Every structure is written in structure tokens, then in C-alpha cells.
Amino acid sequence: MFARLSLFAMVAALGAIGASGRALPGSQIFSRATCEATYTVVAGDTCDEIATKNDVTVSALEAANPSIDANCDNLFVGEQLCIPGATPPPPPPPCAENYTVKAGDVCINIANQFNITVPQLEAANTEIDPLCDNLQIGEVLCIP
């Protein structure tokens, strides 16, 4: 009886994988590609959207994830996908000089004073919020 039970358990476990040969939700099947990151599939995801979100091509995404079929219509919620070649954002540019914030300073005036753009100033000083309304008197800013 126990031998039958063990065989039954094994067949049931194999059946859980499914006729498609797909792994269980939440599992990972990656190619030999180097995964710089992983992505968890959420409801409604498509290969195009996942590739765009992660700055990779659809073909690179598919090559790194052999479980994705040719039409990319077999993704399932919770599936972990390999994101090949995903890289962290580049470091901020080096500082050409420093600037100490004074009363009344705003980003556009500081940027104009050093002949740079506000986006360049913000990129070099990630603590500046998008509205540039969090400058503190005495704060030292990096001028790229």
C-alpha cells in the first residue's frame, strides 16, 4: 500500500507541472543568460510591456526565458522572469564644483548661474525633489 501511495504522490506531483511542461507558479526556469535582475509577472503583463519596463528587447527577454512561447501568451501571475543585461542607473556625474544654497535660491537660478540645465542639476543631486521645493539653506549641491 505504501509503495502505491508513494507512486501516486509522485504522479500527482508530476501532474501539477501540467501537460504544457510549465513549472509551478513562482518557480524559475532561466536560460544560461546572465540575469542581472528578475521580474515577477503581474496580471495583464505582456512581453512588450515587461521588456519596455526593464529596458530590454522582447527577443532578449524571450531568449533569457525559454519558458516563454513564441506568441508570449503563456505568462502566468507570479512567474519569475530573467531580465538579461539589466543594469542599475548610471552614477550621477562628477561634481565640477560645489554650491552652498542661500536664502531665496531656486533650481532654475542655480542652474543658470552655472550654465547648466535644471535636469542636470537634479541628476547630480538626487535629493532634490521634482518641484525643487526642498532646498535647505546651507545645503551643499553638486554642480556637474
C-alpha atoms as a PDB file:
ATOM      1  CA  MET A   1       0.000   0.000   0.000  1.00  0.00           C
ATOM      2  CA  PHE A   2       2.773   2.477   0.881  1.00  0.00           C
ATOM      3  CA  ALA A   3       4.548   1.752  -2.418  1.00  0.00           C
ATOM      4  CA  ARG A   4       1.335   2.629  -4.250  1.00  0.00           C
ATOM      5  CA  LEU A   5       0.912   5.759  -2.162  1.00  0.00           C
ATOM      6  CA  SER A   6       4.453   6.897  -2.986  1.00  0.00           C
ATOM      7  CA  LEU A   7       3.925   6.230  -6.668  1.00  0.00           C
ATOM      8  CA  PHE A   8       0.591   8.083  -6.513  1.00  0.00           C
ATOM      9  CA  ALA A   9       2.226  11.069  -4.793  1.00  0.00           C
ATOM     10  CA  MET A  10       4.950  11.178  -7.436  1.00  0.00           C
ATOM     11  CA  VAL A  11       2.433  11.019 -10.309  1.00  0.00           C
ATOM     12  CA  ALA A  12       0.320  13.735  -8.653  1.00  0.00           C
ATOM     13  CA  ALA A  13       3.368  15.954  -8.247  1.00  0.00           C
ATOM     14  CA  LEU A  14       4.338  15.473 -11.878  1.00  0.00           C
ATOM     15  CA  GLY A  15       0.768  16.196 -12.908  1.00  0.00           C
ATOM     16  CA  ALA A  16       0.923  19.520 -11.052  1.00  0.00           C
ATOM     17  CA  ILE A  17       3.519  20.647 -13.559  1.00  0.00           C
ATOM     18  CA  GLY A  18       0.847  20.270 -16.212  1.00  0.00           C
ATOM     19  CA  ALA A  19       0.648  18.951 -19.715  1.00  0.00           C
ATOM     20  CA  SER A  20       2.415  22.011 -21.035  1.00  0.00           C
ATOM     21  CA  GLY A  21       5.581  21.158 -19.129  1.00  0.00           C
ATOM     22  CA  ARG A  22       5.380  24.547 -17.417  1.00  0.00           C
ATOM     23  CA  ALA A  23       6.747  24.877 -13.921  1.00  0.00           C
ATOM     24  CA  LEU A  24       4.585  25.671 -10.929  1.00  0.00           C
ATOM     25  CA  PRO A  25       3.720  29.358 -10.304  1.00  0.00           C
ATOM     26  CA  GLY A  26       6.524  31.264  -8.643  1.00  0.00           C
ATOM     27  CA  SER A  27       9.182  28.928  -9.970  1.00  0.00           C
ATOM     28  CA  GLN A  28      12.067  29.954 -12.171  1.00  0.00           C
ATOM     29  CA  ILE A  29      13.315  28.454 -15.443  1.00  0.00           C
ATOM     30  CA  PHE A  30      16.072  30.566 -16.940  1.00  0.00           C
ATOM     31  CA  SER A  31      18.401  30.017 -19.872  1.00  0.00           C
ATOM     32  CA  ARG A  32      22.130  30.240 -19.442  1.00  0.00           C
ATOM     33  CA  ALA A  33      21.863  34.018 -19.870  1.00  0.00           C
ATOM     34  CA  THR A  34      23.109  36.113 -17.010  1.00  0.00           C
ATOM     35  CA  CYS A  35      20.157  37.522 -15.120  1.00  0.00           C
ATOM     36  CA  GLU A  36      21.022  40.983 -13.921  1.00  0.00           C
ATOM     37  CA  ALA A  37      17.570  41.165 -12.341  1.00  0.00           C
ATOM     38  CA  THR A  38      14.334  39.229 -12.096  1.00  0.00           C
ATOM     39  CA  TYR A  39      10.781  40.367 -12.739  1.00  0.00           C
ATOM     40  CA  THR A  40       7.607  38.912 -11.237  1.00  0.00           C
ATOM     41  CA  VAL A  41       4.738  38.722 -13.706  1.00  0.00           C
ATOM     42  CA  VAL A  42       1.552  40.523 -12.641  1.00  0.00           C
ATOM     43  CA  ALA A  43      -1.953  40.283 -14.095  1.00  0.00           C
ATOM     44  CA  GLY A  44      -2.190  41.807 -17.569  1.00  0.00           C
ATOM     45  CA  ASP A  45       1.563  41.780 -18.313  1.00  0.00           C
ATOM     46  CA  THR A  46       2.724  41.267 -21.894  1.00  0.00           C
ATOM     47  CA  CYS A  47       6.228  40.646 -23.152  1.00  0.00           C
ATOM     48  CA  ASP A  48       6.286  44.080 -24.795  1.00  0.00           C
ATOM     49  CA  GLU A  49       5.365  45.809 -21.521  1.00  0.00           C
ATOM     50  CA  ILE A  50       7.837  43.790 -19.451  1.00  0.00           C
ATOM     51  CA  ALA A  51      10.639  44.426 -21.943  1.00  0.00           C
ATOM     52  CA  THR A  52       9.883  48.165 -22.020  1.00  0.00           C
ATOM     53  CA  LYS A  53       9.690  48.417 -18.210  1.00  0.00           C
ATOM     54  CA  ASN A  54      13.080  46.730 -17.929  1.00  0.00           C
ATOM     55  CA  ASP A  55      14.840  48.392 -20.880  1.00  0.00           C
ATOM     56  CA  VAL A  56      15.490  45.175 -22.807  1.00  0.00           C
ATOM     57  CA  THR A  57      14.265  43.896 -26.159  1.00  0.00           C
ATOM     58  CA  VAL A  58      11.480  41.332 -26.398  1.00  0.00           C
ATOM     59  CA  SER A  59      13.844  38.955 -28.188  1.00  0.00           C
ATOM     60  CA  ALA A  60      16.393  39.247 -25.344  1.00  0.00           C
ATOM     61  CA  LEU A  61      13.628  38.652 -22.796  1.00  0.00           C
ATOM     62  CA  GLU A  62      12.420  35.568 -24.686  1.00  0.00           C
ATOM     63  CA  ALA A  63      15.970  34.235 -25.154  1.00  0.00           C
ATOM     64  CA  ALA A  64      16.656  34.529 -21.427  1.00  0.00           C
ATOM     65  CA  ASN A  65      13.362  32.810 -20.546  1.00  0.00           C
ATOM     66  CA  PRO A  66      12.898  29.622 -22.576  1.00  0.00           C
ATOM     67  CA  SER A  67       9.529  29.020 -20.886  1.00  0.00           C
ATOM     68  CA  ILE A  68       8.010  31.914 -22.885  1.00  0.00           C
ATOM     69  CA  ASP A  69       6.365  30.629 -26.054  1.00  0.00           C
ATOM     70  CA  ALA A  70       6.682  32.272 -29.474  1.00  0.00           C
ATOM     71  CA  ASN A  71       3.468  34.297 -29.022  1.00  0.00           C
ATOM     72  CA  CYS A  72       4.258  35.227 -25.424  1.00  0.00           C
ATOM     73  CA  ASP A  73       0.766  34.202 -24.421  1.00  0.00           C
ATOM     74  CA  ASN A  74       1.718  31.746 -21.709  1.00  0.00           C
ATOM     75  CA  LEU A  75       2.872  34.087 -18.925  1.00  0.00           C
ATOM     76  CA  PHE A  76       1.323  33.439 -15.543  1.00  0.00           C
ATOM     77  CA  VAL A  77       0.948  35.660 -12.486  1.00  0.00           C
ATOM     78  CA  GLY A  78       3.797  35.079 -10.033  1.00  0.00           C
ATOM     79  CA  GLU A  79       6.192  33.722 -12.652  1.00  0.00           C
ATOM     80  CA  GLN A  80       9.773  34.932 -12.180  1.00  0.00           C
ATOM     81  CA  LEU A  81      11.414  36.102 -15.404  1.00  0.00           C
ATOM     82  CA  CYS A  82      15.104  36.650 -16.002  1.00  0.00           C
ATOM     83  CA  ILE A  83      15.921  40.199 -17.096  1.00  0.00           C
ATOM     84  CA  PRO A  84      19.132  39.923 -19.117  1.00  0.00           C
ATOM     85  CA  GLY A  85      21.644  42.712 -19.115  1.00  0.00           C
ATOM     86  CA  ALA A  86      19.530  44.976 -16.938  1.00  0.00           C
ATOM     87  CA  THR A  87      21.853  47.444 -15.329  1.00  0.00           C
ATOM     88  CA  PRO A  88      21.485  49.872 -12.472  1.00  0.00           C
ATOM     89  CA  PRO A  89      21.131  53.531 -13.397  1.00  0.00           C
ATOM     90  CA  PRO A  90      24.404  55.288 -14.123  1.00  0.00           C
ATOM     91  CA  PRO A  91      26.053  57.088 -11.228  1.00  0.00           C
ATOM     92  CA  PRO A  92      25.499  60.816 -11.042  1.00  0.00           C
ATOM     93  CA  PRO A  93      28.022  62.913 -12.946  1.00  0.00           C
ATOM     94  CA  PRO A  94      31.070  64.059 -11.015  1.00  0.00           C
ATOM     95  CA  CYS A  95      30.953  67.490  -9.442  1.00  0.00           C
ATOM     96  CA  ALA A  96      32.834  70.227 -11.265  1.00  0.00           C
ATOM     97  CA  GLU A  97      32.292  72.335  -8.161  1.00  0.00           C
ATOM     98  CA  ASN A  98      30.057  72.676  -5.106  1.00  0.00           C
ATOM     99  CA  TYR A  99      27.464  75.328  -4.340  1.00  0.00           C
ATOM    100  CA  THR A 100      26.034  76.218  -0.923  1.00  0.00           C
ATOM    101  CA  VAL A 101      22.322  77.047  -1.022  1.00  0.00           C
ATOM    102  CA  LYS A 102      21.418  80.562   0.121  1.00  0.00           C
ATOM    103  CA  ALA A 103      18.085  82.105   1.115  1.00  0.00           C
ATOM    104  CA  GLY A 104      15.837  82.587  -1.921  1.00  0.00           C
ATOM    105  CA  ASP A 105      17.687  80.089  -4.148  1.00  0.00           C
ATOM    106  CA  VAL A 106      15.645  78.087  -6.636  1.00  0.00           C
ATOM    107  CA  CYS A 107      16.855  75.432  -9.039  1.00  0.00           C
ATOM    108  CA  ILE A 108      16.476  77.474 -12.222  1.00  0.00           C
ATOM    109  CA  ASN A 109      18.572  80.328 -10.815  1.00  0.00           C
ATOM    110  CA  ILE A 110      21.297  77.984  -9.577  1.00  0.00           C
ATOM    111  CA  ALA A 111      21.337  76.160 -12.926  1.00  0.00           C
ATOM    112  CA  ASN A 112      21.523  79.440 -14.875  1.00  0.00           C
ATOM    113  CA  GLN A 113      24.321  80.704 -12.639  1.00  0.00           C
ATOM    114  CA  PHE A 114      26.458  77.702 -13.626  1.00  0.00           C
ATOM    115  CA  ASN A 115      25.249  77.471 -17.248  1.00  0.00           C
ATOM    116  CA  ILE A 116      23.644  74.035 -16.773  1.00  0.00           C
ATOM    117  CA  THR A 117      20.056  72.807 -17.076  1.00  0.00           C
ATOM    118  CA  VAL A 118      17.728  72.053 -14.167  1.00  0.00           C
ATOM    119  CA  PRO A 119      17.634  68.348 -15.183  1.00  0.00           C
ATOM    120  CA  GLN A 120      21.457  68.280 -14.988  1.00  0.00           C
ATOM    121  CA  LEU A 121      21.338  69.876 -11.536  1.00  0.00           C
ATOM    122  CA  GLU A 122      18.689  67.391 -10.379  1.00  0.00           C
ATOM    123  CA  ALA A 123      20.591  64.399 -11.828  1.00  0.00           C
ATOM    124  CA  ALA A 124      23.696  65.401  -9.885  1.00  0.00           C
ATOM    125  CA  ASN A 125      21.658  65.990  -6.701  1.00  0.00           C
ATOM    126  CA  THR A 126      19.105  63.195  -6.409  1.00  0.00           C
ATOM    127  CA  GLU A 127      17.849  64.564  -3.099  1.00  0.00           C
ATOM    128  CA  ILE A 128      16.229  67.497  -4.934  1.00  0.00           C
ATOM    129  CA  ASP A 129      12.540  66.686  -5.403  1.00  0.00           C
ATOM    130  CA  PRO A 130      10.816  67.158  -8.798  1.00  0.00           C
ATOM    131  CA  LEU A 131       9.339  70.538  -7.787  1.00  0.00           C
ATOM    132  CA  CYS A 132      12.674  71.734  -6.415  1.00  0.00           C
ATOM    133  CA  ASP A 133      10.940  72.978  -3.315  1.00  0.00           C
ATOM    134  CA  ASN A 134      13.060  71.179  -0.748  1.00  0.00           C
ATOM    135  CA  LEU A 135      16.326  73.169  -0.945  1.00  0.00           C
ATOM    136  CA  GLN A 136      17.706  73.943   2.503  1.00  0.00           C
ATOM    137  CA  ILE A 137      19.825  76.995   3.322  1.00  0.00           C
ATOM    138  CA  GLY A 138      23.375  75.760   3.874  1.00  0.00           C
ATOM    139  CA  GLU A 139      22.846  72.587   1.830  1.00  0.00           C
ATOM    140  CA  VAL A 140      25.802  71.835  -0.433  1.00  0.00           C
ATOM    141  CA  LEU A 141      24.884  70.965  -4.019  1.00  0.00           C
ATOM    142  CA  CYS A 142      26.994  69.244  -6.630  1.00  0.00           C
ATOM    143  CA  ILE A 143      27.409  71.315  -9.801  1.00  0.00           C
ATOM    144  CA  PRO A 144      28.207  68.975 -12.733  1.00  0.00           C
END
